[in-house]
């Protein structure tokens, strides 16, 4: 946990950090219970509009019965607009690059089968997964159904409020 003391003009000073406290907090206690979601058939233009008008920099792609099928991030959008490589690509890399260049729907640029976590996991474990994979957010699922998402900002907000 972080102990903070208030200073002049809303400046804060961190007094001490207790990282072990994050293993006592469950993901479900600080996750976003209404994460940004879209359908796989949404056009890339609509994806860009959603990303520009919301706080989060990702969209969770859901199928029937709130089943998580993928995630679209700002990086996926940028990759789709990247100019073609001047190097000769072979195999799966070439197919993937060509596919993203001609994509028209979210399903064609999303990351399929994203890493997920569970609501009853502790926040320390979720943070470890985020750090290991260099992710800023993770979908939270319960029995294959999307129930929320957790982002580094959720964790920081929790730490700073304590």
N, C-alpha and C. Protein backbone atom coordinates (compact mmCIF):
# COMPACT_ATOMS: atom_id res chain seq x y z
N UNK A 1 0.84 -1.17 0.00
CA UNK A 1 0.00 0.00 0.00
C UNK A 1 0.88 1.23 0.00
N UNK A 2 0.42 2.31 -0.54
CA UNK A 2 1.17 3.55 -0.57
C UNK A 2 0.58 4.48 0.47
N UNK A 3 1.42 5.06 1.26
CA UNK A 3 0.98 6.06 2.23
C UNK A 3 1.34 7.43 1.65
N UNK A 4 0.38 8.32 1.59
CA UNK A 4 0.61 9.63 0.98
C UNK A 4 0.27 10.72 1.98
N UNK A 5 0.99 11.78 1.92
CA UNK A 5 0.63 12.94 2.72
C UNK A 5 0.41 14.11 1.77
N UNK A 6 -0.61 14.92 2.06
CA UNK A 6 -0.96 16.01 1.16
C UNK A 6 0.00 17.18 1.38
N UNK A 7 0.40 17.77 0.29
CA UNK A 7 1.25 18.96 0.33
C UNK A 7 0.51 20.10 -0.34
N UNK A 8 1.17 21.21 -0.49
CA UNK A 8 0.56 22.40 -1.09
C UNK A 8 0.07 22.14 -2.50
N UNK A 9 -1.06 22.76 -2.81
CA UNK A 9 -1.62 22.75 -4.16
C UNK A 9 -1.75 21.35 -4.76
N UNK A 10 -2.35 20.45 -4.01
CA UNK A 10 -2.65 19.09 -4.47
C UNK A 10 -1.44 18.28 -4.91
N UNK A 11 -0.30 18.55 -4.37
CA UNK A 11 0.88 17.73 -4.62
C UNK A 11 0.95 16.68 -3.51
N UNK A 12 1.33 15.50 -3.88
CA UNK A 12 1.40 14.42 -2.91
C UNK A 12 2.82 13.88 -2.83
N UNK A 13 3.15 13.40 -1.67
CA UNK A 13 4.45 12.78 -1.45
C UNK A 13 4.20 11.36 -0.99
N UNK A 14 4.87 10.42 -1.62
CA UNK A 14 4.74 9.02 -1.22
C UNK A 14 5.59 8.79 0.02
N UNK A 15 4.94 8.32 1.08
CA UNK A 15 5.67 8.07 2.33
C UNK A 15 6.27 6.68 2.36
N UNK A 16 5.50 5.68 1.98
CA UNK A 16 6.01 4.32 1.98
C UNK A 16 5.11 3.43 1.13
N UNK A 17 5.68 2.35 0.62
CA UNK A 17 4.93 1.45 -0.24
C UNK A 17 4.94 0.07 0.40
N UNK A 18 3.78 -0.58 0.38
CA UNK A 18 3.64 -1.93 0.90
C UNK A 18 3.07 -2.80 -0.22
N UNK A 19 3.90 -3.30 -1.13
CA UNK A 19 3.37 -4.06 -2.26
C UNK A 19 2.64 -5.33 -1.84
N UNK A 20 2.97 -5.88 -0.69
CA UNK A 20 2.28 -7.09 -0.26
C UNK A 20 0.80 -6.84 -0.02
N UNK A 21 0.40 -5.60 0.18
CA UNK A 21 -1.01 -5.30 0.40
C UNK A 21 -1.85 -5.58 -0.84
N UNK A 22 -1.24 -5.52 -2.03
CA UNK A 22 -1.98 -5.79 -3.25
C UNK A 22 -2.40 -7.25 -3.37
N UNK A 23 -1.78 -8.13 -2.61
CA UNK A 23 -2.20 -9.53 -2.66
C UNK A 23 -3.39 -9.80 -1.75
N UNK A 24 -3.85 -8.78 -1.05
CA UNK A 24 -5.05 -8.92 -0.21
C UNK A 24 -6.29 -8.35 -0.89
N UNK A 25 -6.09 -7.68 -2.01
CA UNK A 25 -7.20 -7.07 -2.75
C UNK A 25 -7.51 -7.94 -3.96
N UNK A 26 -8.77 -8.19 -4.20
CA UNK A 26 -9.20 -9.01 -5.34
C UNK A 26 -9.45 -8.13 -6.56
N UNK A 27 -9.21 -8.69 -7.73
CA UNK A 27 -9.44 -8.00 -8.99
C UNK A 27 -10.86 -7.46 -9.04
N UNK A 28 -11.84 -8.26 -8.62
CA UNK A 28 -13.25 -7.86 -8.69
C UNK A 28 -13.55 -6.61 -7.88
N UNK A 29 -12.70 -6.31 -6.90
CA UNK A 29 -12.93 -5.14 -6.05
C UNK A 29 -12.53 -3.82 -6.70
N UNK A 30 -11.65 -3.87 -7.71
CA UNK A 30 -11.22 -2.62 -8.34
C UNK A 30 -11.37 -2.61 -9.86
N UNK A 31 -11.84 -3.71 -10.44
CA UNK A 31 -11.96 -3.78 -11.90
C UNK A 31 -13.08 -2.87 -12.40
N UNK A 32 -13.00 -2.56 -13.69
CA UNK A 32 -14.05 -1.84 -14.37
C UNK A 32 -15.13 -2.86 -14.72
N UNK A 33 -16.30 -2.73 -14.12
CA UNK A 33 -17.36 -3.70 -14.36
C UNK A 33 -18.13 -3.43 -15.65
N UNK A 34 -17.85 -2.30 -16.28
CA UNK A 34 -18.49 -1.97 -17.56
C UNK A 34 -17.41 -1.58 -18.56
N UNK A 35 -16.61 -2.56 -18.97
CA UNK A 35 -15.52 -2.25 -19.90
C UNK A 35 -16.05 -1.89 -21.28
N UNK A 36 -15.23 -1.21 -22.07
CA UNK A 36 -15.66 -0.86 -23.43
C UNK A 36 -15.68 -2.10 -24.31
N UNK A 37 -16.82 -2.37 -24.92
CA UNK A 37 -16.97 -3.57 -25.75
C UNK A 37 -17.51 -3.20 -27.12
N UNK A 38 -17.18 -4.03 -28.09
CA UNK A 38 -17.70 -3.90 -29.44
C UNK A 38 -17.97 -5.30 -29.99
N UNK A 39 -18.68 -5.33 -31.10
CA UNK A 39 -18.94 -6.57 -31.81
C UNK A 39 -17.83 -6.78 -32.83
N UNK A 40 -17.55 -8.01 -33.17
CA UNK A 40 -16.48 -8.34 -34.11
C UNK A 40 -16.72 -7.77 -35.51
N UNK A 41 -17.97 -7.51 -35.87
CA UNK A 41 -18.29 -7.02 -37.21
C UNK A 41 -18.24 -5.50 -37.34
N UNK A 42 -17.88 -4.80 -36.28
CA UNK A 42 -17.80 -3.34 -36.32
C UNK A 42 -16.68 -2.93 -37.27
N UNK A 43 -16.93 -1.89 -38.06
CA UNK A 43 -15.92 -1.43 -39.02
C UNK A 43 -14.74 -0.78 -38.29
N UNK A 44 -13.60 -0.75 -38.97
CA UNK A 44 -12.41 -0.15 -38.38
C UNK A 44 -12.65 1.34 -38.13
N UNK A 45 -13.40 1.98 -39.00
CA UNK A 45 -13.75 3.38 -38.79
C UNK A 45 -14.50 3.59 -37.49
N UNK A 46 -15.45 2.70 -37.19
CA UNK A 46 -16.19 2.78 -35.92
C UNK A 46 -15.28 2.49 -34.73
N UNK A 47 -14.36 1.57 -34.89
CA UNK A 47 -13.40 1.27 -33.83
C UNK A 47 -12.60 2.52 -33.48
N UNK A 48 -12.13 3.21 -34.52
CA UNK A 48 -11.35 4.44 -34.30
C UNK A 48 -12.21 5.49 -33.60
N UNK A 49 -13.46 5.64 -34.01
CA UNK A 49 -14.36 6.60 -33.35
C UNK A 49 -14.53 6.27 -31.88
N UNK A 50 -14.75 5.00 -31.58
CA UNK A 50 -14.90 4.57 -30.18
C UNK A 50 -13.65 4.92 -29.38
N UNK A 51 -12.50 4.59 -29.93
CA UNK A 51 -11.25 4.84 -29.20
C UNK A 51 -11.01 6.33 -28.97
N UNK A 52 -11.42 7.17 -29.91
CA UNK A 52 -11.22 8.61 -29.77
C UNK A 52 -12.17 9.25 -28.77
N UNK A 53 -13.32 8.63 -28.53
CA UNK A 53 -14.33 9.25 -27.67
C UNK A 53 -14.41 8.64 -26.28
N UNK A 54 -13.54 7.72 -25.97
CA UNK A 54 -13.59 7.10 -24.64
C UNK A 54 -12.27 7.28 -23.93
N UNK A 55 -12.30 7.06 -22.64
CA UNK A 55 -11.11 7.21 -21.80
C UNK A 55 -10.10 6.08 -22.05
N UNK A 56 -10.58 4.88 -22.23
CA UNK A 56 -9.73 3.71 -22.40
C UNK A 56 -9.12 3.66 -23.80
N UNK A 57 -7.98 3.01 -23.91
CA UNK A 57 -7.30 2.89 -25.20
C UNK A 57 -7.40 1.48 -25.76
N UNK A 58 -8.49 0.81 -25.45
CA UNK A 58 -8.71 -0.55 -25.92
C UNK A 58 -10.21 -0.81 -26.01
N UNK A 59 -10.57 -1.82 -26.77
CA UNK A 59 -11.94 -2.29 -26.86
C UNK A 59 -11.93 -3.80 -26.78
N UNK A 60 -12.80 -4.36 -25.97
CA UNK A 60 -12.93 -5.80 -25.87
C UNK A 60 -13.96 -6.25 -26.88
N UNK A 61 -13.64 -7.26 -27.64
CA UNK A 61 -14.52 -7.75 -28.70
C UNK A 61 -15.27 -8.96 -28.14
N UNK A 62 -16.59 -8.85 -28.16
CA UNK A 62 -17.41 -9.92 -27.58
C UNK A 62 -18.30 -10.54 -28.65
N UNK A 63 -18.59 -11.81 -28.44
CA UNK A 63 -19.49 -12.55 -29.32
C UNK A 63 -20.81 -12.79 -28.60
N UNK A 64 -21.44 -13.88 -28.93
CA UNK A 64 -22.72 -14.21 -28.31
C UNK A 64 -22.53 -14.53 -26.83
N UNK A 65 -23.54 -14.17 -26.06
CA UNK A 65 -23.58 -14.43 -24.62
C UNK A 65 -22.36 -13.85 -23.88
N UNK A 66 -21.91 -12.67 -24.32
CA UNK A 66 -20.80 -11.95 -23.68
C UNK A 66 -19.49 -12.74 -23.66
N UNK A 67 -19.33 -13.65 -24.60
CA UNK A 67 -18.08 -14.40 -24.67
C UNK A 67 -17.00 -13.53 -25.30
N UNK A 68 -15.86 -13.44 -24.63
CA UNK A 68 -14.74 -12.65 -25.13
C UNK A 68 -14.08 -13.37 -26.30
N UNK A 69 -13.96 -12.67 -27.43
CA UNK A 69 -13.32 -13.28 -28.60
C UNK A 69 -12.03 -12.57 -29.00
N UNK A 70 -11.81 -11.37 -28.45
CA UNK A 70 -10.59 -10.65 -28.79
C UNK A 70 -10.50 -9.30 -28.13
N UNK A 71 -9.42 -8.59 -28.44
CA UNK A 71 -9.19 -7.24 -27.94
C UNK A 71 -8.56 -6.42 -29.05
N UNK A 72 -9.00 -5.17 -29.17
CA UNK A 72 -8.42 -4.23 -30.12
C UNK A 72 -7.82 -3.09 -29.31
N UNK A 73 -6.56 -2.80 -29.57
CA UNK A 73 -5.88 -1.70 -28.88
C UNK A 73 -5.49 -0.63 -29.89
N UNK A 74 -5.05 0.51 -29.38
CA UNK A 74 -4.56 1.55 -30.27
C UNK A 74 -3.41 1.02 -31.13
N UNK A 75 -2.59 0.16 -30.55
CA UNK A 75 -1.46 -0.42 -31.30
C UNK A 75 -1.95 -1.23 -32.49
N UNK A 76 -3.04 -1.96 -32.32
CA UNK A 76 -3.60 -2.73 -33.44
C UNK A 76 -4.03 -1.80 -34.58
N UNK A 77 -4.63 -0.68 -34.22
CA UNK A 77 -5.06 0.30 -35.22
C UNK A 77 -3.84 0.87 -35.95
N UNK A 78 -2.84 1.27 -35.20
CA UNK A 78 -1.63 1.83 -35.81
C UNK A 78 -0.96 0.82 -36.73
N UNK A 79 -0.91 -0.44 -36.30
CA UNK A 79 -0.30 -1.48 -37.12
C UNK A 79 -1.08 -1.66 -38.43
N UNK A 80 -2.39 -1.55 -38.35
CA UNK A 80 -3.22 -1.71 -39.55
C UNK A 80 -2.97 -0.59 -40.55
N UNK A 81 -2.59 0.60 -40.06
CA UNK A 81 -2.33 1.73 -40.94
C UNK A 81 -0.87 1.88 -41.32
N UNK A 82 -0.02 1.02 -40.80
CA UNK A 82 1.42 1.08 -41.08
C UNK A 82 1.67 0.84 -42.57
N UNK A 83 2.63 1.56 -43.12
CA UNK A 83 2.96 1.35 -44.53
C UNK A 83 3.58 -0.03 -44.72
N UNK A 84 3.37 -0.63 -45.85
CA UNK A 84 3.90 -1.99 -46.08
C UNK A 84 5.42 -2.04 -45.93
N UNK A 85 5.87 -3.17 -45.51
CA UNK A 85 7.30 -3.40 -45.33
C UNK A 85 8.01 -3.41 -46.67
N UNK A 86 9.23 -2.87 -46.69
CA UNK A 86 10.03 -2.91 -47.91
C UNK A 86 10.83 -4.21 -47.98
N UNK A 87 10.86 -4.93 -46.87
CA UNK A 87 11.57 -6.21 -46.83
C UNK A 87 10.63 -7.32 -47.30
N UNK A 88 11.20 -8.32 -47.89
CA UNK A 88 10.39 -9.46 -48.32
C UNK A 88 10.03 -10.28 -47.09
N UNK A 89 8.73 -10.50 -46.93
CA UNK A 89 8.25 -11.32 -45.83
C UNK A 89 7.82 -12.67 -46.38
N UNK A 90 8.01 -13.68 -45.56
CA UNK A 90 7.67 -15.03 -45.98
C UNK A 90 6.77 -15.67 -44.92
N UNK A 91 5.87 -16.51 -45.35
CA UNK A 91 5.07 -17.31 -44.45
C UNK A 91 4.02 -16.53 -43.68
N UNK A 92 3.84 -16.90 -42.41
CA UNK A 92 2.79 -16.34 -41.57
C UNK A 92 2.92 -14.84 -41.40
N UNK A 93 4.14 -14.33 -41.32
CA UNK A 93 4.35 -12.88 -41.18
C UNK A 93 3.78 -12.13 -42.37
N UNK A 94 4.02 -12.64 -43.56
CA UNK A 94 3.52 -11.99 -44.78
C UNK A 94 2.00 -12.02 -44.82
N UNK A 95 1.42 -13.14 -44.51
CA UNK A 95 -0.03 -13.28 -44.51
C UNK A 95 -0.66 -12.33 -43.49
N UNK A 96 -0.08 -12.27 -42.30
CA UNK A 96 -0.59 -11.40 -41.25
C UNK A 96 -0.52 -9.94 -41.65
N UNK A 97 0.61 -9.51 -42.21
CA UNK A 97 0.77 -8.10 -42.61
C UNK A 97 -0.21 -7.74 -43.72
N UNK A 98 -0.36 -8.59 -44.71
CA UNK A 98 -1.29 -8.32 -45.81
C UNK A 98 -2.72 -8.30 -45.29
N UNK A 99 -3.05 -9.22 -44.39
CA UNK A 99 -4.40 -9.28 -43.82
C UNK A 99 -4.76 -8.03 -43.06
N UNK A 100 -3.83 -7.51 -42.29
CA UNK A 100 -4.12 -6.29 -41.52
C UNK A 100 -4.23 -5.07 -42.41
N UNK A 101 -3.54 -5.04 -43.53
CA UNK A 101 -3.60 -3.90 -44.45
C UNK A 101 -4.94 -3.83 -45.17
N UNK A 102 -5.55 -4.98 -45.40
CA UNK A 102 -6.81 -5.01 -46.13
C UNK A 102 -8.01 -5.16 -45.20
N UNK A 103 -7.79 -5.08 -43.92
CA UNK A 103 -8.85 -5.28 -42.92
C UNK A 103 -9.93 -4.21 -43.02
N UNK A 104 -11.17 -4.62 -42.80
CA UNK A 104 -12.29 -3.68 -42.77
C UNK A 104 -13.09 -3.78 -41.48
N UNK A 105 -12.87 -4.85 -40.71
CA UNK A 105 -13.65 -5.08 -39.49
C UNK A 105 -12.74 -5.32 -38.29
N UNK A 106 -13.29 -5.11 -37.12
CA UNK A 106 -12.54 -5.30 -35.88
C UNK A 106 -11.98 -6.72 -35.78
N UNK A 107 -12.75 -7.70 -36.21
CA UNK A 107 -12.31 -9.10 -36.13
C UNK A 107 -11.02 -9.35 -36.88
N UNK A 108 -10.74 -8.54 -37.90
CA UNK A 108 -9.56 -8.76 -38.73
C UNK A 108 -8.28 -8.15 -38.15
N UNK A 109 -8.43 -7.24 -37.21
CA UNK A 109 -7.23 -6.63 -36.61
C UNK A 109 -7.08 -6.95 -35.13
N UNK A 110 -8.10 -7.53 -34.52
CA UNK A 110 -8.05 -7.79 -33.08
C UNK A 110 -7.04 -8.89 -32.75
N UNK A 111 -6.60 -8.87 -31.51
CA UNK A 111 -5.80 -9.97 -30.98
C UNK A 111 -6.79 -11.03 -30.52
N UNK A 112 -6.72 -12.18 -31.15
CA UNK A 112 -7.61 -13.28 -30.79
C UNK A 112 -7.08 -14.01 -29.56
N UNK A 113 -7.96 -14.54 -28.77
CA UNK A 113 -7.60 -15.31 -27.57
C UNK A 113 -6.67 -14.51 -26.65
N UNK A 114 -7.10 -13.33 -26.20
CA UNK A 114 -6.23 -12.53 -25.34
C UNK A 114 -6.01 -13.19 -23.99
N UNK A 115 -4.92 -12.82 -23.35
CA UNK A 115 -4.64 -13.28 -21.99
C UNK A 115 -5.75 -12.71 -21.10
N UNK A 116 -6.31 -13.54 -20.25
CA UNK A 116 -7.39 -13.10 -19.36
C UNK A 116 -7.06 -13.46 -17.92
N UNK A 117 -7.79 -12.82 -17.02
CA UNK A 117 -7.66 -13.14 -15.60
C UNK A 117 -9.06 -13.35 -15.03
N UNK A 118 -9.11 -13.76 -13.77
CA UNK A 118 -10.37 -14.08 -13.11
C UNK A 118 -10.68 -13.08 -11.99
N UNK A 119 -11.95 -12.85 -11.69
CA UNK A 119 -12.32 -11.86 -10.68
C UNK A 119 -11.77 -12.14 -9.29
N UNK A 120 -11.57 -13.41 -8.94
CA UNK A 120 -11.09 -13.75 -7.61
C UNK A 120 -9.58 -13.78 -7.47
N UNK A 121 -8.87 -13.46 -8.55
CA UNK A 121 -7.40 -13.36 -8.46
C UNK A 121 -7.05 -12.13 -7.64
N UNK A 122 -5.89 -12.17 -6.98
CA UNK A 122 -5.49 -10.97 -6.27
C UNK A 122 -4.82 -10.00 -7.24
N UNK A 123 -4.86 -8.73 -6.89
CA UNK A 123 -4.36 -7.67 -7.76
C UNK A 123 -2.86 -7.83 -8.01
N UNK A 124 -2.12 -8.30 -7.02
CA UNK A 124 -0.67 -8.50 -7.20
C UNK A 124 -0.40 -9.49 -8.32
N UNK A 125 -1.18 -10.55 -8.39
CA UNK A 125 -1.02 -11.55 -9.45
C UNK A 125 -1.38 -10.95 -10.82
N UNK A 126 -2.45 -10.17 -10.87
CA UNK A 126 -2.84 -9.51 -12.12
C UNK A 126 -1.74 -8.55 -12.57
N UNK A 127 -1.19 -7.81 -11.64
CA UNK A 127 -0.11 -6.87 -11.96
C UNK A 127 1.12 -7.60 -12.47
N UNK A 128 1.43 -8.74 -11.89
CA UNK A 128 2.57 -9.54 -12.34
C UNK A 128 2.37 -10.00 -13.79
N UNK A 129 1.16 -10.40 -14.13
CA UNK A 129 0.85 -10.82 -15.51
C UNK A 129 1.00 -9.62 -16.45
N UNK A 130 0.50 -8.47 -16.04
CA UNK A 130 0.61 -7.27 -16.86
C UNK A 130 2.07 -6.91 -17.12
N UNK A 131 2.88 -6.98 -16.10
CA UNK A 131 4.30 -6.65 -16.22
C UNK A 131 5.01 -7.67 -17.11
N UNK A 132 4.74 -8.95 -16.89
CA UNK A 132 5.40 -10.00 -17.66
C UNK A 132 5.11 -9.90 -19.15
N UNK A 133 3.88 -9.53 -19.49
CA UNK A 133 3.47 -9.45 -20.90
C UNK A 133 3.51 -8.03 -21.47
N UNK A 134 3.85 -7.07 -20.63
CA UNK A 134 3.88 -5.65 -21.02
C UNK A 134 2.51 -5.19 -21.51
N UNK A 135 1.46 -5.57 -20.76
CA UNK A 135 0.09 -5.15 -21.04
C UNK A 135 -0.29 -4.03 -20.08
N UNK A 136 -1.16 -3.13 -20.55
CA UNK A 136 -1.68 -2.07 -19.69
C UNK A 136 -3.07 -2.40 -19.18
N UNK A 137 -3.69 -3.43 -19.74
CA UNK A 137 -5.03 -3.81 -19.33
C UNK A 137 -5.26 -5.28 -19.62
N UNK A 138 -6.16 -5.87 -18.85
CA UNK A 138 -6.49 -7.28 -19.03
C UNK A 138 -8.00 -7.48 -18.92
N UNK A 139 -8.57 -8.31 -19.78
CA UNK A 139 -9.98 -8.66 -19.64
C UNK A 139 -10.15 -9.60 -18.43
N UNK A 140 -11.28 -9.46 -17.76
CA UNK A 140 -11.60 -10.31 -16.62
C UNK A 140 -12.78 -11.18 -17.03
N UNK A 141 -12.60 -12.49 -16.95
CA UNK A 141 -13.66 -13.43 -17.36
C UNK A 141 -14.01 -14.36 -16.21
N UNK A 142 -15.25 -14.81 -16.25
CA UNK A 142 -15.74 -15.80 -15.30
C UNK A 142 -16.52 -16.84 -16.11
N UNK A 143 -16.02 -18.05 -16.15
CA UNK A 143 -16.62 -19.13 -16.93
C UNK A 143 -16.82 -18.71 -18.40
N UNK A 144 -15.77 -18.21 -18.99
CA UNK A 144 -15.74 -17.79 -20.40
C UNK A 144 -16.60 -16.57 -20.74
N UNK A 145 -17.20 -15.92 -19.74
CA UNK A 145 -17.98 -14.72 -20.00
C UNK A 145 -17.24 -13.50 -19.48
N UNK A 146 -17.26 -12.45 -20.27
CA UNK A 146 -16.61 -11.20 -19.88
C UNK A 146 -17.38 -10.57 -18.72
N UNK A 147 -16.67 -10.27 -17.63
CA UNK A 147 -17.31 -9.63 -16.47
C UNK A 147 -16.68 -8.27 -16.16
N UNK A 148 -15.57 -7.95 -16.82
CA UNK A 148 -14.93 -6.66 -16.56
C UNK A 148 -13.55 -6.59 -17.18
N UNK A 149 -12.82 -5.55 -16.79
CA UNK A 149 -11.44 -5.40 -17.21
C UNK A 149 -10.70 -4.67 -16.10
N UNK A 150 -9.41 -4.87 -16.08
CA UNK A 150 -8.58 -4.15 -15.12
C UNK A 150 -7.42 -3.53 -15.88
N UNK A 151 -7.12 -2.31 -15.53
CA UNK A 151 -6.05 -1.58 -16.19
C UNK A 151 -5.07 -1.08 -15.14
N UNK A 152 -3.89 -0.74 -15.59
CA UNK A 152 -2.92 -0.18 -14.67
C UNK A 152 -3.51 1.04 -13.98
N UNK A 153 -4.32 1.83 -14.70
CA UNK A 153 -4.93 3.01 -14.10
C UNK A 153 -5.85 2.65 -12.93
N UNK A 154 -6.56 1.50 -13.02
CA UNK A 154 -7.39 1.05 -11.89
C UNK A 154 -6.54 0.77 -10.66
N UNK A 155 -5.41 0.12 -10.90
CA UNK A 155 -4.51 -0.23 -9.79
C UNK A 155 -3.91 1.03 -9.18
N UNK A 156 -3.45 1.94 -10.04
CA UNK A 156 -2.88 3.19 -9.53
C UNK A 156 -3.92 4.02 -8.79
N UNK A 157 -5.13 4.10 -9.31
CA UNK A 157 -6.20 4.82 -8.62
C UNK A 157 -6.43 4.24 -7.23
N UNK A 158 -6.46 2.92 -7.14
CA UNK A 158 -6.66 2.27 -5.84
C UNK A 158 -5.51 2.61 -4.89
N UNK A 159 -4.29 2.49 -5.36
CA UNK A 159 -3.11 2.77 -4.53
C UNK A 159 -3.13 4.21 -4.03
N UNK A 160 -3.41 5.14 -4.93
CA UNK A 160 -3.37 6.56 -4.57
C UNK A 160 -4.50 6.97 -3.63
N UNK A 161 -5.61 6.23 -3.63
CA UNK A 161 -6.72 6.54 -2.74
C UNK A 161 -6.49 6.02 -1.33
N UNK A 162 -5.59 5.06 -1.18
CA UNK A 162 -5.34 4.48 0.15
C UNK A 162 -4.33 5.24 0.93
